[in-house]
């Protein structure tokens, strides 16, 4: 399913892309603590970790796209600004 179709069908907007598990958990924790409902689309595969090159390319990094309802976009951006400043 393409992202455009995802947005259309579920009335969601992309508010944040987390690269790696640490950033995913920080964002998810912030959204949950503020009571913000969100959906995550994960691309967990097949990309070498930043700054690492292995001969067999076994090191991969996950990418997580956070989506919220359009009416919650401003709230999500406020939450993310707190996350970035901490």
PDB file of N, CA and C in Angstrom:
ATOM      1  N   UNK A   1       0.852  -1.170   0.000  1.00  0.00           N
ATOM      2  CA  UNK A   1       0.000   0.000   0.000  1.00  0.00           C
ATOM      3  C   UNK A   1       0.897   1.231   0.000  1.00  0.00           C
ATOM      4  N   UNK A   2       0.635   2.133  -0.868  1.00  0.00           N
ATOM      5  CA  UNK A   2       1.456   3.341  -0.932  1.00  0.00           C
ATOM      6  C   UNK A   2       1.099   4.280   0.214  1.00  0.00           C
ATOM      7  N   UNK A   3       2.034   5.153   0.553  1.00  0.00           N
ATOM      8  CA  UNK A   3       1.803   6.091   1.647  1.00  0.00           C
ATOM      9  C   UNK A   3       0.620   7.000   1.329  1.00  0.00           C
ATOM     10  N   UNK A   4       0.474   7.436   0.089  1.00  0.00           N
ATOM     11  CA  UNK A   4      -0.652   8.278  -0.282  1.00  0.00           C
ATOM     12  C   UNK A   4      -1.981   7.590  -0.034  1.00  0.00           C
ATOM     13  N   UNK A   5      -2.076   6.339  -0.377  1.00  0.00           N
ATOM     14  CA  UNK A   5      -3.291   5.574  -0.140  1.00  0.00           C
ATOM     15  C   UNK A   5      -3.510   5.390   1.354  1.00  0.00           C
ATOM     16  N   UNK A   6      -2.449   5.138   2.090  1.00  0.00           N
ATOM     17  CA  UNK A   6      -2.526   5.010   3.552  1.00  0.00           C
ATOM     18  C   UNK A   6      -3.107   6.282   4.151  1.00  0.00           C
ATOM     19  N   UNK A   7      -2.575   7.423   3.736  1.00  0.00           N
ATOM     20  CA  UNK A   7      -3.060   8.714   4.236  1.00  0.00           C
ATOM     21  C   UNK A   7      -4.540   8.908   3.912  1.00  0.00           C
ATOM     22  N   UNK A   8      -4.899   8.594   2.680  1.00  0.00           N
ATOM     23  CA  UNK A   8      -6.270   8.802   2.234  1.00  0.00           C
ATOM     24  C   UNK A   8      -7.243   7.905   2.992  1.00  0.00           C
ATOM     25  N   UNK A   9      -6.916   6.627   3.097  1.00  0.00           N
ATOM     26  CA  UNK A   9      -7.823   5.670   3.725  1.00  0.00           C
ATOM     27  C   UNK A   9      -7.974   5.891   5.221  1.00  0.00           C
ATOM     28  N   UNK A  10      -6.931   6.280   5.859  1.00  0.00           N
ATOM     29  CA  UNK A  10      -6.954   6.345   7.310  1.00  0.00           C
ATOM     30  C   UNK A  10      -6.889   7.770   7.855  1.00  0.00           C
ATOM     31  N   UNK A  11      -6.929   8.767   6.982  1.00  0.00           N
ATOM     32  CA  UNK A  11      -6.946  10.170   7.400  1.00  0.00           C
ATOM     33  C   UNK A  11      -5.804  10.484   8.367  1.00  0.00           C
ATOM     34  N   UNK A  12      -4.620  10.002   8.037  1.00  0.00           N
ATOM     35  CA  UNK A  12      -3.447  10.190   8.890  1.00  0.00           C
ATOM     36  C   UNK A  12      -2.413  11.036   8.160  1.00  0.00           C
ATOM     37  N   UNK A  13      -1.577  11.709   8.952  1.00  0.00           N
ATOM     38  CA  UNK A  13      -0.472  12.475   8.389  1.00  0.00           C
ATOM     39  C   UNK A  13       0.826  12.016   9.043  1.00  0.00           C
ATOM     40  N   UNK A  14       1.869  12.010   8.266  1.00  0.00           N
ATOM     41  CA  UNK A  14       3.193  11.651   8.764  1.00  0.00           C
ATOM     42  C   UNK A  14       3.729  12.817   9.579  1.00  0.00           C
ATOM     43  N   UNK A  15       4.087  12.552  10.848  1.00  0.00           N
ATOM     44  CA  UNK A  15       4.598  13.625  11.698  1.00  0.00           C
ATOM     45  C   UNK A  15       6.042  13.415  12.119  1.00  0.00           C
ATOM     46  N   UNK A  16       6.535  12.185  12.005  1.00  0.00           N
ATOM     47  CA  UNK A  16       7.898  11.930  12.487  1.00  0.00           C
ATOM     48  C   UNK A  16       8.415  10.640  11.884  1.00  0.00           C
ATOM     49  N   UNK A  17       9.688  10.643  11.543  1.00  0.00           N
ATOM     50  CA  UNK A  17      10.367   9.433  11.109  1.00  0.00           C
ATOM     51  C   UNK A  17      11.514   9.179  12.065  1.00  0.00           C
ATOM     52  N   UNK A  18      11.452   8.049  12.740  1.00  0.00           N
ATOM     53  CA  UNK A  18      12.496   7.661  13.693  1.00  0.00           C
ATOM     54  C   UNK A  18      13.445   6.697  13.005  1.00  0.00           C
ATOM     55  N   UNK A  19      14.727   6.957  13.152  1.00  0.00           N
ATOM     56  CA  UNK A  19      15.746   6.081  12.583  1.00  0.00           C
ATOM     57  C   UNK A  19      16.396   5.341  13.742  1.00  0.00           C
ATOM     58  N   UNK A  20      16.108   4.068  13.824  1.00  0.00           N
ATOM     59  CA  UNK A  20      16.665   3.241  14.892  1.00  0.00           C
ATOM     60  C   UNK A  20      15.699   3.067  16.046  1.00  0.00           C
ATOM     61  N   UNK A  21      15.907   1.993  16.778  1.00  0.00           N
ATOM     62  CA  UNK A  21      15.010   1.641  17.874  1.00  0.00           C
ATOM     63  C   UNK A  21      15.000   2.675  18.992  1.00  0.00           C
ATOM     64  N   UNK A  22      16.141   3.256  19.306  1.00  0.00           N
ATOM     65  CA  UNK A  22      16.212   4.229  20.400  1.00  0.00           C
ATOM     66  C   UNK A  22      15.294   5.419  20.138  1.00  0.00           C
ATOM     67  N   UNK A  23      15.331   5.955  18.922  1.00  0.00           N
ATOM     68  CA  UNK A  23      14.486   7.098  18.574  1.00  0.00           C
ATOM     69  C   UNK A  23      13.016   6.695  18.516  1.00  0.00           C
ATOM     70  N   UNK A  24      12.756   5.468  18.059  1.00  0.00           N
ATOM     71  CA  UNK A  24      11.381   4.968  18.042  1.00  0.00           C
ATOM     72  C   UNK A  24      10.799   4.955  19.451  1.00  0.00           C
ATOM     73  N   UNK A  25      11.537   4.351  20.389  1.00  0.00           N
ATOM     74  CA  UNK A  25      11.019   4.221  21.750  1.00  0.00           C
ATOM     75  C   UNK A  25      10.846   5.576  22.435  1.00  0.00           C
ATOM     76  N   UNK A  26      11.741   6.512  22.172  1.00  0.00           N
ATOM     77  CA  UNK A  26      11.605   7.854  22.760  1.00  0.00           C
ATOM     78  C   UNK A  26      10.336   8.539  22.255  1.00  0.00           C
ATOM     79  N   UNK A  27      10.113   8.491  20.946  1.00  0.00           N
ATOM     80  CA  UNK A  27       8.929   9.133  20.373  1.00  0.00           C
ATOM     81  C   UNK A  27       7.658   8.440  20.845  1.00  0.00           C
ATOM     82  N   UNK A  28       7.654   7.119  20.820  1.00  0.00           N
ATOM     83  CA  UNK A  28       6.473   6.374  21.249  1.00  0.00           C
ATOM     84  C   UNK A  28       6.142   6.676  22.705  1.00  0.00           C
ATOM     85  N   UNK A  29       7.156   6.735  23.548  1.00  0.00           N
ATOM     86  CA  UNK A  29       6.938   7.029  24.963  1.00  0.00           C
ATOM     87  C   UNK A  29       6.353   8.432  25.143  1.00  0.00           C
ATOM     88  N   UNK A  30       6.876   9.400  24.412  1.00  0.00           N
ATOM     89  CA  UNK A  30       6.355  10.772  24.505  1.00  0.00           C
ATOM     90  C   UNK A  30       4.899  10.841  24.053  1.00  0.00           C
ATOM     91  N   UNK A  31       4.580  10.219  22.926  1.00  0.00           N
ATOM     92  CA  UNK A  31       3.204  10.228  22.434  1.00  0.00           C
ATOM     93  C   UNK A  31       2.269   9.549  23.433  1.00  0.00           C
ATOM     94  N   UNK A  32       2.693   8.403  23.955  1.00  0.00           N
ATOM     95  CA  UNK A  32       1.853   7.669  24.904  1.00  0.00           C
ATOM     96  C   UNK A  32       1.643   8.452  26.191  1.00  0.00           C
ATOM     97  N   UNK A  33       2.691   9.080  26.695  1.00  0.00           N
ATOM     98  CA  UNK A  33       2.566   9.821  27.955  1.00  0.00           C
ATOM     99  C   UNK A  33       1.635  11.023  27.820  1.00  0.00           C
ATOM    100  N   UNK A  34       1.500  11.544  26.597  1.00  0.00           N
ATOM    101  CA  UNK A  34       0.593  12.670  26.343  1.00  0.00           C
ATOM    102  C   UNK A  34      -0.785  12.206  25.876  1.00  0.00           C
ATOM    103  N   UNK A  35      -0.978  10.892  25.786  1.00  0.00           N
ATOM    104  CA  UNK A  35      -2.270  10.349  25.380  1.00  0.00           C
ATOM    105  C   UNK A  35      -2.577  10.502  23.905  1.00  0.00           C
ATOM    106  N   UNK A  36      -1.552  10.663  23.089  1.00  0.00           N
ATOM    107  CA  UNK A  36      -1.744  10.845  21.645  1.00  0.00           C
ATOM    108  C   UNK A  36      -1.774   9.484  20.959  1.00  0.00           C
ATOM    109  N   UNK A  37      -2.838   9.248  20.227  1.00  0.00           N
ATOM    110  CA  UNK A  37      -2.948   7.991  19.470  1.00  0.00           C
ATOM    111  C   UNK A  37      -2.170   8.138  18.166  1.00  0.00           C
ATOM    112  N   UNK A  38      -1.465   7.083  17.794  1.00  0.00           N
ATOM    113  CA  UNK A  38      -0.632   7.118  16.598  1.00  0.00           C
ATOM    114  C   UNK A  38      -0.559   5.735  15.978  1.00  0.00           C
ATOM    115  N   UNK A  39      -0.143   5.705  14.742  1.00  0.00           N
ATOM    116  CA  UNK A  39       0.128   4.463  14.018  1.00  0.00           C
ATOM    117  C   UNK A  39       1.563   4.540  13.538  1.00  0.00           C
ATOM    118  N   UNK A  40       2.197   3.380  13.430  1.00  0.00           N
ATOM    119  CA  UNK A  40       3.587   3.328  12.980  1.00  0.00           C
ATOM    120  C   UNK A  40       3.686   2.395  11.784  1.00  0.00           C
ATOM    121  N   UNK A  41       4.370   2.871  10.778  1.00  0.00           N
ATOM    122  CA  UNK A  41       4.721   2.046   9.624  1.00  0.00           C
ATOM    123  C   UNK A  41       6.214   1.800   9.722  1.00  0.00           C
ATOM    124  N   UNK A  42       6.593   0.526   9.750  1.00  0.00           N
ATOM    125  CA  UNK A  42       7.995   0.176   9.961  1.00  0.00           C
ATOM    126  C   UNK A  42       8.623  -0.369   8.695  1.00  0.00           C
ATOM    127  N   UNK A  43       9.831   0.090   8.438  1.00  0.00           N
ATOM    128  CA  UNK A  43      10.664  -0.484   7.391  1.00  0.00           C
ATOM    129  C   UNK A  43      11.879  -1.026   8.120  1.00  0.00           C
ATOM    130  N   UNK A  44      11.780  -2.251   8.573  1.00  0.00           N
ATOM    131  CA  UNK A  44      12.808  -2.778   9.465  1.00  0.00           C
ATOM    132  C   UNK A  44      13.920  -3.484   8.726  1.00  0.00           C
ATOM    133  N   UNK A  45      13.983  -3.330   7.440  1.00  0.00           N
ATOM    134  CA  UNK A  45      14.951  -4.190   6.822  1.00  0.00           C
ATOM    135  C   UNK A  45      15.895  -3.616   5.813  1.00  0.00           C
ATOM    136  N   UNK A  46      16.946  -4.336   5.721  1.00  0.00           N
ATOM    137  CA  UNK A  46      17.835  -4.324   4.575  1.00  0.00           C
ATOM    138  C   UNK A  46      18.574  -3.026   4.306  1.00  0.00           C
ATOM    139  N   UNK A  47      18.819  -2.242   5.339  1.00  0.00           N
ATOM    140  CA  UNK A  47      19.656  -1.052   5.170  1.00  0.00           C
ATOM    141  C   UNK A  47      20.808  -1.131   6.150  1.00  0.00           C
ATOM    142  N   UNK A  48      22.025  -0.936   5.682  1.00  0.00           N
ATOM    143  CA  UNK A  48      23.145  -0.941   6.626  1.00  0.00           C
ATOM    144  C   UNK A  48      23.039   0.222   7.597  1.00  0.00           C
ATOM    145  N   UNK A  49      23.477  -0.014   8.808  1.00  0.00           N
ATOM    146  CA  UNK A  49      23.458   1.036   9.825  1.00  0.00           C
ATOM    147  C   UNK A  49      24.360   2.181   9.391  1.00  0.00           C
ATOM    148  N   UNK A  50      23.976   3.384   9.758  1.00  0.00           N
ATOM    149  CA  UNK A  50      24.757   4.559   9.390  1.00  0.00           C
ATOM    150  C   UNK A  50      26.162   4.457   9.957  1.00  0.00           C
ATOM    151  N   UNK A  51      27.149   4.718   9.138  1.00  0.00           N
ATOM    152  CA  UNK A  51      28.534   4.707   9.591  1.00  0.00           C
ATOM    153  C   UNK A  51      29.150   3.333   9.731  1.00  0.00           C
ATOM    154  N   UNK A  52      28.406   2.311   9.379  1.00  0.00           N
ATOM    155  CA  UNK A  52      28.951   0.964   9.515  1.00  0.00           C
ATOM    156  C   UNK A  52      28.904   0.258   8.171  1.00  0.00           C
ATOM    157  N   UNK A  53      30.011  -0.307   7.831  1.00  0.00           N
ATOM    158  CA  UNK A  53      30.073  -1.087   6.605  1.00  0.00           C
ATOM    159  C   UNK A  53      30.686  -2.433   6.943  1.00  0.00           C
ATOM    160  N   UNK A  54      29.926  -3.452   6.713  1.00  0.00           N
ATOM    161  CA  UNK A  54      30.410  -4.800   6.937  1.00  0.00           C
ATOM    162  C   UNK A  54      30.461  -5.514   5.598  1.00  0.00           C
ATOM    163  N   UNK A  55      31.371  -6.432   5.499  1.00  0.00           N
ATOM    164  CA  UNK A  55      31.515  -7.165   4.245  1.00  0.00           C
ATOM    165  C   UNK A  55      30.221  -7.889   3.901  1.00  0.00           C
ATOM    166  N   UNK A  56      29.578  -8.469   4.909  1.00  0.00           N
ATOM    167  CA  UNK A  56      28.358  -9.222   4.631  1.00  0.00           C
ATOM    168  C   UNK A  56      27.082  -8.400   4.852  1.00  0.00           C
ATOM    169  N   UNK A  57      27.213  -7.122   5.196  1.00  0.00           N
ATOM    170  CA  UNK A  57      26.073  -6.220   5.385  1.00  0.00           C
ATOM    171  C   UNK A  57      25.007  -6.774   6.327  1.00  0.00           C
ATOM    172  N   UNK A  58      25.429  -7.390   7.427  1.00  0.00           N
ATOM    173  CA  UNK A  58      24.462  -7.934   8.377  1.00  0.00           C
ATOM    174  C   UNK A  58      23.918  -6.873   9.319  1.00  0.00           C
ATOM    175  N   UNK A  59      24.556  -5.728   9.397  1.00  0.00           N
ATOM    176  CA  UNK A  59      24.096  -4.670  10.283  1.00  0.00           C
ATOM    177  C   UNK A  59      23.008  -3.865   9.578  1.00  0.00           C
ATOM    178  N   UNK A  60      21.804  -3.859  10.149  1.00  0.00           N
ATOM    179  CA  UNK A  60      20.695  -3.116   9.552  1.00  0.00           C
ATOM    180  C   UNK A  60      20.099  -2.171  10.582  1.00  0.00           C
ATOM    181  N   UNK A  61      19.388  -1.198  10.094  1.00  0.00           N
ATOM    182  CA  UNK A  61      18.751  -0.229  10.981  1.00  0.00           C
ATOM    183  C   UNK A  61      17.282  -0.107  10.583  1.00  0.00           C
ATOM    184  N   UNK A  62      16.428   0.009  11.579  1.00  0.00           N
ATOM    185  CA  UNK A  62      14.994   0.110  11.326  1.00  0.00           C
ATOM    186  C   UNK A  62      14.587   1.575  11.183  1.00  0.00           C
ATOM    187  N   UNK A  63      13.597   1.802  10.349  1.00  0.00           N
ATOM    188  CA  UNK A  63      13.041   3.138  10.138  1.00  0.00           C
ATOM    189  C   UNK A  63      11.549   3.063  10.457  1.00  0.00           C
ATOM    190  N   UNK A  64      11.080   3.986  11.284  1.00  0.00           N
ATOM    191  CA  UNK A  64       9.692   3.989  11.735  1.00  0.00           C
ATOM    192  C   UNK A  64       9.038   5.319  11.379  1.00  0.00           C
ATOM    193  N   UNK A  65       7.928   5.263  10.667  1.00  0.00           N
ATOM    194  CA  UNK A  65       7.150   6.456  10.332  1.00  0.00           C
ATOM    195  C   UNK A  65       5.950   6.534  11.271  1.00  0.00           C
ATOM    196  N   UNK A  66       5.829   7.651  11.974  1.00  0.00           N
ATOM    197  CA  UNK A  66       4.726   7.868  12.911  1.00  0.00           C
ATOM    198  C   UNK A  66       3.640   8.693  12.228  1.00  0.00           C
ATOM    199  N   UNK A  67       2.415   8.193  12.263  1.00  0.00           N
ATOM    200  CA  UNK A  67       1.260   8.872  11.683  1.00  0.00           C
ATOM    201  C   UNK A  67       0.250   9.187  12.781  1.00  0.00           C
ATOM    202  N   UNK A  68      -0.382  10.338  12.682  1.00  0.00           N
ATOM    203  CA  UNK A  68      -1.461  10.716  13.595  1.00  0.00           C
ATOM    204  C   UNK A  68      -2.634  11.233  12.764  1.00  0.00           C
ATOM    205  N   UNK A  69      -3.785  11.348  13.413  1.00  0.00           N
ATOM    206  CA  UNK A  69      -4.934  11.951  12.738  1.00  0.00           C
ATOM    207  C   UNK A  69      -4.600  13.399  12.400  1.00  0.00           C
ATOM    208  N   UNK A  70      -5.180  13.870  11.318  1.00  0.00           N
ATOM    209  CA  UNK A  70      -4.902  15.247  10.891  1.00  0.00           C
ATOM    210  C   UNK A  70      -5.202  16.256  11.992  1.00  0.00           C
ATOM    211  N   UNK A  71      -6.266  16.026  12.731  1.00  0.00           N
ATOM    212  CA  UNK A  71      -6.621  16.984  13.787  1.00  0.00           C
ATOM    213  C   UNK A  71      -5.656  16.938  14.974  1.00  0.00           C
ATOM    214  N   UNK A  72      -4.821  15.901  15.059  1.00  0.00           N
ATOM    215  CA  UNK A  72      -3.826  15.785  16.133  1.00  0.00           C
ATOM    216  C   UNK A  72      -2.419  16.201  15.699  1.00  0.00           C
ATOM    217  N   UNK A  73      -2.286  16.677  14.473  1.00  0.00           N
ATOM    218  CA  UNK A  73      -0.967  17.008  13.942  1.00  0.00           C
ATOM    219  C   UNK A  73      -0.270  18.088  14.771  1.00  0.00           C
ATOM    220  N   UNK A  74      -0.976  19.134  15.142  1.00  0.00           N
ATOM    221  CA  UNK A  74      -0.363  20.225  15.918  1.00  0.00           C
ATOM    222  C   UNK A  74       0.096  19.723  17.289  1.00  0.00           C
ATOM    223  N   UNK A  75      -0.732  18.927  17.936  1.00  0.00           N
ATOM    224  CA  UNK A  75      -0.365  18.358  19.239  1.00  0.00           C
ATOM    225  C   UNK A  75       0.892  17.500  19.106  1.00  0.00           C
ATOM    226  N   UNK A  76       0.948  16.692  18.050  1.00  0.00           N
ATOM    227  CA  UNK A  76       2.119  15.836  17.827  1.00  0.00           C
ATOM    228  C   UNK A  76       3.374  16.677  17.619  1.00  0.00           C
ATOM    229  N   UNK A  77       3.259  17.750  16.863  1.00  0.00           N
ATOM    230  CA  UNK A  77       4.415  18.611  16.622  1.00  0.00           C
ATOM    231  C   UNK A  77       4.894  19.271  17.911  1.00  0.00           C
ATOM    232  N   UNK A  78       3.967  19.651  18.785  1.00  0.00           N
ATOM    233  CA  UNK A  78       4.355  20.212  20.085  1.00  0.00           C
ATOM    234  C   UNK A  78       5.087  19.181  20.936  1.00  0.00           C
ATOM    235  N   UNK A  79       4.593  17.960  20.930  1.00  0.00           N
ATOM    236  CA  UNK A  79       5.241  16.881  21.682  1.00  0.00           C
ATOM    237  C   UNK A  79       6.644  16.635  21.141  1.00  0.00           C
ATOM    238  N   UNK A  80       6.766  16.615  19.822  1.00  0.00           N
ATOM    239  CA  UNK A  80       8.069  16.367  19.199  1.00  0.00           C
ATOM    240  C   UNK A  80       9.044  17.505  19.467  1.00  0.00           C
ATOM    241  N   UNK A  81       8.552  18.729  19.553  1.00  0.00           N
ATOM    242  CA  UNK A  81       9.465  19.841  19.844  1.00  0.00           C
ATOM    243  C   UNK A  81      10.040  19.700  21.251  1.00  0.00           C
ATOM    244  N   UNK A  82       9.250  19.202  22.196  1.00  0.00           N
ATOM    245  CA  UNK A  82       9.755  18.931  23.545  1.00  0.00           C
ATOM    246  C   UNK A  82      10.799  17.815  23.509  1.00  0.00           C
ATOM    247  N   UNK A  83      10.531  16.802  22.698  1.00  0.00           N
ATOM    248  CA  UNK A  83      11.461  15.676  22.571  1.00  0.00           C
ATOM    249  C   UNK A  83      12.800  16.145  22.016  1.00  0.00           C
ATOM    250  N   UNK A  84      12.759  16.990  21.012  1.00  0.00           N
ATOM    251  CA  UNK A  84      13.992  17.473  20.379  1.00  0.00           C
ATOM    252  C   UNK A  84      14.792  18.387  21.296  1.00  0.00           C
ATOM    253  N   UNK A  85      14.106  19.113  22.168  1.00  0.00           N
ATOM    254  CA  UNK A  85      14.813  20.045  23.048  1.00  0.00           C
ATOM    255  C   UNK A  85      15.365  19.374  24.302  1.00  0.00           C
ATOM    256  N   UNK A  86      14.997  18.127  24.524  1.00  0.00           N
ATOM    257  CA  UNK A  86      15.505  17.438  25.725  1.00  0.00           C
ATOM    258  C   UNK A  86      16.792  16.700  25.461  1.00  0.00           C
TER     259      UNK A  86
END
